[in-house]
Amino acid sequence: MSRYIRIASRFWVDEKIIKLSEQEKFLYLYILTSPHSNMLGFYVLPKLYAMHDLGWNDEQFTKPFAKLLEKGLINYDETTSVILIPNFLRYNPIQNINQAKGAAKALQELPDNPLFPLFFQCLKRFAEPFMEPFQKLLPERYGNTETETETETETETETETE
């Protein structure tokens, strides 16, 4: 199954990208277009998979990967091998509620990891109209959010009504 993602033509003139080395740019493009990725830019990517796909050894991979982390272009959880591209949804937005439901199901497949609160911030920033499927399916993964108070109030009201 082929997926398509958008890479804006301004990628090459973006202030953060211009300052990257060729290897760093290549690695970032790989992360954006990886066959392991999903429609959220939040997916499992063991470093060894990336190194194998690129034909790189640990030495070739480590420095560019660290630079992408340092620049904030990616976030990575070493324990679960989950990667997050914070601006992915900015350029590849969720376009309708059915797509949001599919994306929420893909999100359920991810292991619990400390990047979920940051991902939720990305959703709020770039997918505000389509938050409902995410809140319904995975509220426990979002950490402390503004919806926590609303949920408590709704639960109290439901109990009183019953």
N, C-alpha and C. Protein backbone atom coordinates (compact mmCIF):
# COMPACT_ATOMS: atom_id res chain seq x y z
N MET A 1 0.84 -1.18 0.00
CA MET A 1 0.00 0.00 0.00
C MET A 1 0.89 1.25 0.00
N SER A 2 0.69 2.08 -0.96
CA SER A 2 1.47 3.32 -1.05
C SER A 2 0.76 4.43 -0.30
N ARG A 3 1.55 5.25 0.34
CA ARG A 3 1.04 6.45 0.98
C ARG A 3 1.80 7.63 0.39
N TYR A 4 1.16 8.74 0.39
CA TYR A 4 1.80 9.95 -0.10
C TYR A 4 1.84 10.97 1.02
N ILE A 5 2.95 11.66 1.12
CA ILE A 5 3.04 12.76 2.08
C ILE A 5 3.49 14.01 1.34
N ARG A 6 3.22 15.13 1.93
CA ARG A 6 3.63 16.40 1.34
C ARG A 6 4.95 16.83 1.96
N ILE A 7 5.83 17.23 1.08
CA ILE A 7 7.06 17.89 1.51
C ILE A 7 7.04 19.22 0.79
N ALA A 8 6.86 20.28 1.54
CA ALA A 8 6.74 21.61 0.95
C ALA A 8 8.02 21.98 0.20
N SER A 9 7.86 22.65 -0.92
CA SER A 9 9.04 23.05 -1.71
C SER A 9 9.93 24.01 -0.92
N ARG A 10 9.35 24.69 0.04
CA ARG A 10 10.17 25.59 0.87
C ARG A 10 11.05 24.81 1.86
N PHE A 11 10.92 23.49 1.86
CA PHE A 11 11.78 22.63 2.68
C PHE A 11 13.24 23.05 2.50
N TRP A 12 13.65 23.26 1.26
CA TRP A 12 15.05 23.52 0.94
C TRP A 12 15.53 24.91 1.34
N VAL A 13 14.60 25.82 1.61
CA VAL A 13 14.99 27.17 2.02
C VAL A 13 14.59 27.47 3.47
N ASP A 14 14.05 26.48 4.15
CA ASP A 14 13.70 26.63 5.56
C ASP A 14 14.98 26.88 6.37
N GLU A 15 14.88 27.82 7.29
CA GLU A 15 16.04 28.22 8.09
C GLU A 15 16.71 27.04 8.81
N LYS A 16 15.91 26.15 9.38
CA LYS A 16 16.47 24.99 10.09
C LYS A 16 17.13 24.01 9.12
N ILE A 17 16.54 23.83 7.95
CA ILE A 17 17.04 22.84 6.98
C ILE A 17 18.33 23.32 6.33
N ILE A 18 18.40 24.59 5.99
CA ILE A 18 19.60 25.14 5.34
C ILE A 18 20.85 24.86 6.18
N LYS A 19 20.70 24.92 7.47
CA LYS A 19 21.85 24.75 8.38
C LYS A 19 22.26 23.29 8.58
N LEU A 20 21.47 22.36 8.05
CA LEU A 20 21.80 20.94 8.21
C LEU A 20 22.84 20.49 7.18
N SER A 21 23.61 19.49 7.54
CA SER A 21 24.55 18.89 6.60
C SER A 21 23.77 18.04 5.59
N GLU A 22 24.42 17.59 4.55
CA GLU A 22 23.75 16.74 3.56
C GLU A 22 23.23 15.45 4.19
N GLN A 23 24.02 14.85 5.07
CA GLN A 23 23.59 13.62 5.75
C GLN A 23 22.38 13.87 6.62
N GLU A 24 22.36 15.00 7.31
CA GLU A 24 21.24 15.34 8.19
C GLU A 24 19.97 15.57 7.37
N LYS A 25 20.09 16.27 6.25
CA LYS A 25 18.94 16.48 5.37
C LYS A 25 18.42 15.14 4.84
N PHE A 26 19.33 14.29 4.41
CA PHE A 26 18.95 12.99 3.87
C PHE A 26 18.24 12.15 4.93
N LEU A 27 18.76 12.15 6.14
CA LEU A 27 18.13 11.39 7.23
C LEU A 27 16.74 11.95 7.54
N TYR A 28 16.61 13.26 7.57
CA TYR A 28 15.31 13.86 7.85
C TYR A 28 14.30 13.50 6.75
N LEU A 29 14.71 13.55 5.51
CA LEU A 29 13.82 13.15 4.42
C LEU A 29 13.44 11.67 4.55
N TYR A 30 14.39 10.85 4.95
CA TYR A 30 14.09 9.43 5.19
C TYR A 30 13.03 9.30 6.29
N ILE A 31 13.21 10.00 7.40
CA ILE A 31 12.26 9.92 8.52
C ILE A 31 10.87 10.38 8.08
N LEU A 32 10.81 11.42 7.27
CA LEU A 32 9.53 11.91 6.77
C LEU A 32 8.84 10.89 5.86
N THR A 33 9.62 10.17 5.08
CA THR A 33 9.07 9.28 4.05
C THR A 33 9.29 7.80 4.34
N SER A 34 9.74 7.47 5.50
CA SER A 34 10.07 6.09 5.87
C SER A 34 8.94 5.12 5.58
N PRO A 35 9.27 3.92 5.12
CA PRO A 35 8.23 2.91 4.92
C PRO A 35 7.60 2.44 6.24
N HIS A 36 8.20 2.81 7.34
CA HIS A 36 7.68 2.44 8.66
C HIS A 36 6.73 3.50 9.22
N SER A 37 6.63 4.64 8.54
CA SER A 37 5.86 5.77 9.06
C SER A 37 4.36 5.56 8.93
N ASN A 38 3.62 6.53 9.43
CA ASN A 38 2.16 6.50 9.34
C ASN A 38 1.64 7.90 9.02
N MET A 39 0.34 8.05 9.00
CA MET A 39 -0.28 9.32 8.63
C MET A 39 -0.18 10.40 9.70
N LEU A 40 0.45 10.08 10.82
CA LEU A 40 0.56 11.01 11.93
C LEU A 40 1.97 11.57 12.13
N GLY A 41 2.97 10.93 11.52
CA GLY A 41 4.34 11.34 11.80
C GLY A 41 4.75 10.98 13.22
N PHE A 42 4.12 9.95 13.76
CA PHE A 42 4.34 9.48 15.14
C PHE A 42 4.28 7.97 15.06
N TYR A 43 5.44 7.33 15.05
CA TYR A 43 5.48 5.89 14.75
C TYR A 43 6.72 5.22 15.34
N VAL A 44 6.70 3.90 15.32
CA VAL A 44 7.83 3.12 15.82
C VAL A 44 8.89 3.06 14.72
N LEU A 45 10.10 3.45 15.09
CA LEU A 45 11.22 3.39 14.16
C LEU A 45 12.49 3.01 14.93
N PRO A 46 12.73 1.71 15.06
CA PRO A 46 14.00 1.31 15.68
C PRO A 46 15.17 1.85 14.86
N LYS A 47 16.16 2.35 15.53
CA LYS A 47 17.31 2.93 14.84
C LYS A 47 17.96 1.92 13.89
N LEU A 48 17.98 0.66 14.29
CA LEU A 48 18.59 -0.36 13.43
C LEU A 48 17.82 -0.52 12.11
N TYR A 49 16.49 -0.33 12.14
CA TYR A 49 15.71 -0.37 10.90
C TYR A 49 16.16 0.75 9.97
N ALA A 50 16.28 1.94 10.54
CA ALA A 50 16.68 3.10 9.75
C ALA A 50 18.08 2.89 9.17
N MET A 51 18.99 2.43 10.00
CA MET A 51 20.36 2.20 9.52
C MET A 51 20.37 1.16 8.40
N HIS A 52 19.59 0.12 8.55
CA HIS A 52 19.52 -0.91 7.51
C HIS A 52 18.94 -0.33 6.22
N ASP A 53 17.82 0.39 6.34
CA ASP A 53 17.18 0.98 5.15
C ASP A 53 18.13 1.93 4.41
N LEU A 54 18.92 2.68 5.16
CA LEU A 54 19.82 3.67 4.57
C LEU A 54 21.17 3.08 4.17
N GLY A 55 21.47 1.89 4.67
CA GLY A 55 22.77 1.29 4.40
C GLY A 55 23.89 1.98 5.18
N TRP A 56 23.52 2.56 6.33
CA TRP A 56 24.48 3.27 7.16
C TRP A 56 24.88 2.42 8.36
N ASN A 57 26.08 2.68 8.88
CA ASN A 57 26.50 2.05 10.13
C ASN A 57 26.18 3.00 11.28
N ASP A 58 26.45 2.56 12.48
CA ASP A 58 26.13 3.35 13.67
C ASP A 58 26.82 4.72 13.65
N GLU A 59 28.05 4.73 13.22
CA GLU A 59 28.81 5.99 13.19
C GLU A 59 28.19 6.99 12.20
N GLN A 60 27.74 6.52 11.05
CA GLN A 60 27.12 7.39 10.05
C GLN A 60 25.76 7.92 10.52
N PHE A 61 25.08 7.13 11.33
CA PHE A 61 23.72 7.45 11.76
C PHE A 61 23.67 8.36 12.99
N THR A 62 24.51 8.10 13.97
CA THR A 62 24.41 8.72 15.29
C THR A 62 24.49 10.24 15.26
N LYS A 63 25.46 10.80 14.58
CA LYS A 63 25.65 12.26 14.59
C LYS A 63 24.49 12.99 13.90
N PRO A 64 24.08 12.60 12.69
CA PRO A 64 22.94 13.29 12.06
C PRO A 64 21.65 13.15 12.87
N PHE A 65 21.43 11.98 13.46
CA PHE A 65 20.23 11.76 14.27
C PHE A 65 20.23 12.69 15.47
N ALA A 66 21.38 12.80 16.13
CA ALA A 66 21.50 13.69 17.30
C ALA A 66 21.24 15.14 16.91
N LYS A 67 21.69 15.54 15.73
CA LYS A 67 21.48 16.92 15.26
C LYS A 67 20.00 17.19 15.02
N LEU A 68 19.27 16.24 14.45
CA LEU A 68 17.83 16.41 14.22
C LEU A 68 17.09 16.54 15.55
N LEU A 69 17.52 15.78 16.54
CA LEU A 69 16.93 15.89 17.88
C LEU A 69 17.24 17.27 18.47
N GLU A 70 18.48 17.68 18.38
CA GLU A 70 18.92 18.96 18.92
C GLU A 70 18.16 20.13 18.30
N LYS A 71 17.91 20.07 17.00
CA LYS A 71 17.20 21.14 16.29
C LYS A 71 15.69 21.10 16.51
N GLY A 72 15.19 20.05 17.17
CA GLY A 72 13.76 19.95 17.43
C GLY A 72 12.95 19.49 16.22
N LEU A 73 13.63 18.97 15.20
CA LEU A 73 12.92 18.48 14.02
C LEU A 73 12.25 17.15 14.29
N ILE A 74 12.80 16.41 15.25
CA ILE A 74 12.22 15.14 15.67
C ILE A 74 12.33 15.02 17.18
N ASN A 75 11.52 14.12 17.74
CA ASN A 75 11.63 13.69 19.13
C ASN A 75 11.69 12.18 19.08
N TYR A 76 12.38 11.58 20.05
CA TYR A 76 12.56 10.13 20.02
C TYR A 76 12.56 9.58 21.43
N ASP A 77 11.85 8.46 21.60
CA ASP A 77 11.87 7.76 22.88
C ASP A 77 12.72 6.50 22.70
N GLU A 78 13.86 6.47 23.36
CA GLU A 78 14.80 5.35 23.24
C GLU A 78 14.20 4.03 23.72
N THR A 79 13.39 4.07 24.75
CA THR A 79 12.84 2.85 25.33
C THR A 79 11.90 2.12 24.39
N THR A 80 11.03 2.86 23.70
CA THR A 80 10.03 2.23 22.83
C THR A 80 10.35 2.39 21.34
N SER A 81 11.43 3.10 21.02
CA SER A 81 11.83 3.37 19.63
C SER A 81 10.76 4.13 18.86
N VAL A 82 10.03 4.99 19.54
CA VAL A 82 8.97 5.79 18.91
C VAL A 82 9.54 7.15 18.53
N ILE A 83 9.24 7.55 17.31
CA ILE A 83 9.69 8.84 16.80
C ILE A 83 8.48 9.75 16.56
N LEU A 84 8.67 11.03 16.80
CA LEU A 84 7.62 12.02 16.56
C LEU A 84 8.21 13.15 15.74
N ILE A 85 7.54 13.48 14.65
CA ILE A 85 7.91 14.63 13.82
C ILE A 85 6.90 15.73 14.19
N PRO A 86 7.29 16.68 15.01
CA PRO A 86 6.33 17.66 15.53
C PRO A 86 5.55 18.45 14.47
N ASN A 87 6.15 18.76 13.34
CA ASN A 87 5.47 19.55 12.31
C ASN A 87 4.85 18.71 11.20
N PHE A 88 4.81 17.41 11.38
CA PHE A 88 4.28 16.54 10.32
C PHE A 88 2.85 16.90 9.94
N LEU A 89 2.00 17.06 10.92
CA LEU A 89 0.59 17.37 10.65
C LEU A 89 0.38 18.77 10.09
N ARG A 90 1.35 19.62 10.25
CA ARG A 90 1.26 20.96 9.65
C ARG A 90 1.23 20.85 8.12
N TYR A 91 2.06 19.97 7.59
CA TYR A 91 2.17 19.82 6.14
C TYR A 91 1.35 18.66 5.59
N ASN A 92 0.91 17.77 6.46
CA ASN A 92 0.09 16.61 6.09
C ASN A 92 -1.12 16.56 7.00
N PRO A 93 -1.99 17.55 6.88
CA PRO A 93 -3.10 17.67 7.84
C PRO A 93 -4.15 16.57 7.70
N ILE A 94 -4.81 16.31 8.80
CA ILE A 94 -5.98 15.43 8.78
C ILE A 94 -7.08 16.23 8.09
N GLN A 95 -7.70 15.63 7.09
CA GLN A 95 -8.61 16.40 6.25
C GLN A 95 -10.09 16.18 6.50
N ASN A 96 -10.43 15.10 7.21
CA ASN A 96 -11.85 14.87 7.49
C ASN A 96 -11.98 13.93 8.69
N ILE A 97 -13.19 13.77 9.17
CA ILE A 97 -13.41 12.97 10.39
C ILE A 97 -13.10 11.49 10.17
N ASN A 98 -13.36 10.97 8.97
CA ASN A 98 -13.03 9.56 8.71
C ASN A 98 -11.52 9.33 8.74
N GLN A 99 -10.78 10.26 8.21
CA GLN A 99 -9.32 10.16 8.26
C GLN A 99 -8.86 10.26 9.72
N ALA A 100 -9.49 11.12 10.49
CA ALA A 100 -9.14 11.25 11.91
C ALA A 100 -9.40 9.94 12.66
N LYS A 101 -10.51 9.27 12.34
CA LYS A 101 -10.81 7.98 12.99
C LYS A 101 -9.75 6.95 12.64
N GLY A 102 -9.34 6.90 11.39
CA GLY A 102 -8.28 5.99 10.97
C GLY A 102 -6.96 6.30 11.65
N ALA A 103 -6.66 7.58 11.76
CA ALA A 103 -5.43 8.01 12.42
C ALA A 103 -5.46 7.65 13.90
N ALA A 104 -6.60 7.80 14.54
CA ALA A 104 -6.73 7.46 15.96
C ALA A 104 -6.52 5.96 16.17
N LYS A 105 -7.01 5.16 15.23
CA LYS A 105 -6.78 3.71 15.34
C LYS A 105 -5.30 3.38 15.18
N ALA A 106 -4.62 4.07 14.26
CA ALA A 106 -3.18 3.87 14.09
C ALA A 106 -2.44 4.26 15.36
N LEU A 107 -2.93 5.28 16.02
CA LEU A 107 -2.32 5.74 17.26
C LEU A 107 -2.42 4.68 18.36
N GLN A 108 -3.52 3.94 18.35
CA GLN A 108 -3.71 2.89 19.36
C GLN A 108 -2.65 1.80 19.26
N GLU A 109 -2.06 1.63 18.10
CA GLU A 109 -1.06 0.58 17.90
C GLU A 109 0.30 0.93 18.51
N LEU A 110 0.48 2.19 18.85
CA LEU A 110 1.77 2.61 19.41
C LEU A 110 1.88 2.18 20.87
N PRO A 111 3.09 1.81 21.27
CA PRO A 111 3.29 1.49 22.70
C PRO A 111 3.21 2.77 23.53
N ASP A 112 2.83 2.63 24.78
CA ASP A 112 2.84 3.79 25.68
C ASP A 112 4.25 4.36 25.71
N ASN A 113 4.33 5.68 25.64
CA ASN A 113 5.63 6.33 25.64
C ASN A 113 5.46 7.77 26.10
N PRO A 114 6.54 8.41 26.52
CA PRO A 114 6.44 9.77 27.07
C PRO A 114 6.20 10.86 26.02
N LEU A 115 6.12 10.50 24.74
CA LEU A 115 5.89 11.50 23.69
C LEU A 115 4.41 11.79 23.46
N PHE A 116 3.52 11.02 24.07
CA PHE A 116 2.08 11.24 23.86
C PHE A 116 1.62 12.65 24.21
N PRO A 117 2.02 13.24 25.34
CA PRO A 117 1.58 14.61 25.62
C PRO A 117 2.05 15.61 24.55
N LEU A 118 3.26 15.44 24.06
CA LEU A 118 3.77 16.32 23.00
C LEU A 118 2.98 16.10 21.71
N PHE A 119 2.66 14.85 21.41
CA PHE A 119 1.85 14.56 20.22
C PHE A 119 0.47 15.22 20.35
N PHE A 120 -0.12 15.15 21.54
CA PHE A 120 -1.43 15.77 21.75
C PHE A 120 -1.36 17.27 21.48
N GLN A 121 -0.28 17.92 21.88
CA GLN A 121 -0.10 19.34 21.59
C GLN A 121 -0.06 19.58 20.08
N CYS A 122 0.62 18.69 19.35
CA CYS A 122 0.67 18.80 17.88
C CYS A 122 -0.73 18.65 17.29
N LEU A 123 -1.50 17.70 17.81
CA LEU A 123 -2.88 17.52 17.35
C LEU A 123 -3.70 18.78 17.59
N LYS A 124 -3.60 19.33 18.78
CA LYS A 124 -4.37 20.54 19.10
C LYS A 124 -3.97 21.69 18.18
N ARG A 125 -2.71 21.75 17.85
CA ARG A 125 -2.21 22.84 17.02
C ARG A 125 -2.61 22.69 15.55
N PHE A 126 -2.55 21.45 15.03
CA PHE A 126 -2.72 21.25 13.59
C PHE A 126 -3.97 20.47 13.19
N ALA A 127 -4.70 19.92 14.17
CA ALA A 127 -5.88 19.11 13.83
C ALA A 127 -7.06 19.40 14.75
N GLU A 128 -7.15 20.60 15.22
CA GLU A 128 -8.18 20.99 16.18
C GLU A 128 -9.60 20.55 15.79
N PRO A 129 -10.03 20.69 14.54
CA PRO A 129 -11.41 20.31 14.20
C PRO A 129 -11.68 18.80 14.30
N PHE A 130 -10.62 18.00 14.38
CA PHE A 130 -10.80 16.55 14.34
C PHE A 130 -10.29 15.85 15.60
N MET A 131 -10.40 16.49 16.74
CA MET A 131 -9.87 15.95 17.99
C MET A 131 -10.71 14.83 18.59
N GLU A 132 -11.99 14.81 18.34
CA GLU A 132 -12.90 13.89 19.02
C GLU A 132 -12.47 12.41 18.97
N PRO A 133 -12.13 11.86 17.80
CA PRO A 133 -11.75 10.44 17.80
C PRO A 133 -10.53 10.14 18.67
N PHE A 134 -9.62 11.09 18.75
CA PHE A 134 -8.42 10.89 19.57
C PHE A 134 -8.76 10.93 21.05
N GLN A 135 -9.62 11.84 21.45
CA GLN A 135 -10.00 11.95 22.84
C GLN A 135 -10.82 10.75 23.29
N LYS A 136 -11.68 10.24 22.40
CA LYS A 136 -12.51 9.08 22.74
C LYS A 136 -11.68 7.83 22.91
N LEU A 137 -10.72 7.60 22.01
CA LEU A 137 -9.99 6.34 21.99
C LEU A 137 -8.83 6.26 22.98
N LEU A 138 -8.16 7.37 23.20
CA LEU A 138 -6.93 7.29 23.99
C LEU A 138 -6.76 8.39 25.03
N PRO A 139 -7.78 8.73 25.79
CA PRO A 139 -7.63 9.86 26.72
C PRO A 139 -6.56 9.62 27.77
N GLU A 140 -6.33 8.38 28.16
CA GLU A 140 -5.36 8.10 29.21
C GLU A 140 -3.93 8.40 28.77
N ARG A 141 -3.68 8.47 27.47
CA ARG A 141 -2.32 8.69 26.98
C ARG A 141 -1.96 10.17 26.89
N TYR A 142 -2.91 11.05 27.08
CA TYR A 142 -2.65 12.46 26.86
C TYR A 142 -2.05 13.17 28.06
N GLY A 143 -2.00 12.53 29.19
CA GLY A 143 -1.47 13.20 30.36
C GLY A 143 -2.44 14.26 30.85
N ASN A 144 -1.95 15.26 31.52
CA ASN A 144 -2.79 16.34 32.04
C ASN A 144 -3.12 17.31 30.92
N THR A 145 -4.39 17.38 30.56
CA THR A 145 -4.83 18.31 29.53
C THR A 145 -6.02 19.09 30.05
N GLU A 146 -6.44 20.05 29.29
CA GLU A 146 -7.59 20.87 29.69
C GLU A 146 -8.88 20.05 29.70
N THR A 147 -8.93 18.97 28.95
CA THR A 147 -10.15 18.18 28.86
C THR A 147 -10.38 17.32 30.11
N GLU A 148 -9.35 17.19 30.95
CA GLU A 148 -9.49 16.37 32.14
C GLU A 148 -10.59 16.92 33.04
N THR A 149 -10.64 18.21 33.26
CA THR A 149 -11.66 18.83 34.10
C THR A 149 -13.04 18.63 33.50
N GLU A 150 -13.14 18.81 32.18
CA GLU A 150 -14.42 18.64 31.50
C GLU A 150 -14.92 17.21 31.67
N THR A 151 -14.03 16.25 31.58
CA THR A 151 -14.40 14.84 31.70
C THR A 151 -14.95 14.55 33.10
N GLU A 152 -14.28 15.09 34.12
CA GLU A 152 -14.75 14.89 35.49
C GLU A 152 -16.15 15.45 35.66
N THR A 153 -16.40 16.62 35.13
CA THR A 153 -17.71 17.25 35.24
C THR A 153 -18.77 16.42 34.53
N GLU A 154 -18.45 15.94 33.33
CA GLU A 154 -19.40 15.12 32.58
C GLU A 154 -19.73 13.84 33.34
N THR A 155 -18.72 13.24 33.94
CA THR A 155 -18.93 11.99 34.69
C THR A 155 -19.84 12.23 35.89
N GLU A 156 -19.63 13.34 36.60
CA GLU A 156 -20.47 13.65 37.75
C GLU A 156 -21.92 13.87 37.30
N THR A 157 -22.11 14.57 36.20
CA THR A 157 -23.45 14.84 35.68
C THR A 157 -24.13 13.55 35.27
N GLU A 158 -23.39 12.66 34.59
CA GLU A 158 -23.97 11.39 34.16
C GLU A 158 -24.42 10.56 35.35
N THR A 159 -23.61 10.56 36.42
CA THR A 159 -23.94 9.79 37.61
C THR A 159 -25.22 10.33 38.25
N GLU A 160 -25.35 11.66 38.33
CA GLU A 160 -26.52 12.27 38.93
C GLU A 160 -27.78 11.96 38.10
N THR A 161 -27.64 11.96 36.77
CA THR A 161 -28.77 11.69 35.89
C THR A 161 -29.26 10.25 36.05
N GLU A 162 -28.29 9.32 36.13
CA GLU A 162 -28.67 7.91 36.27
C GLU A 162 -29.42 7.70 37.56
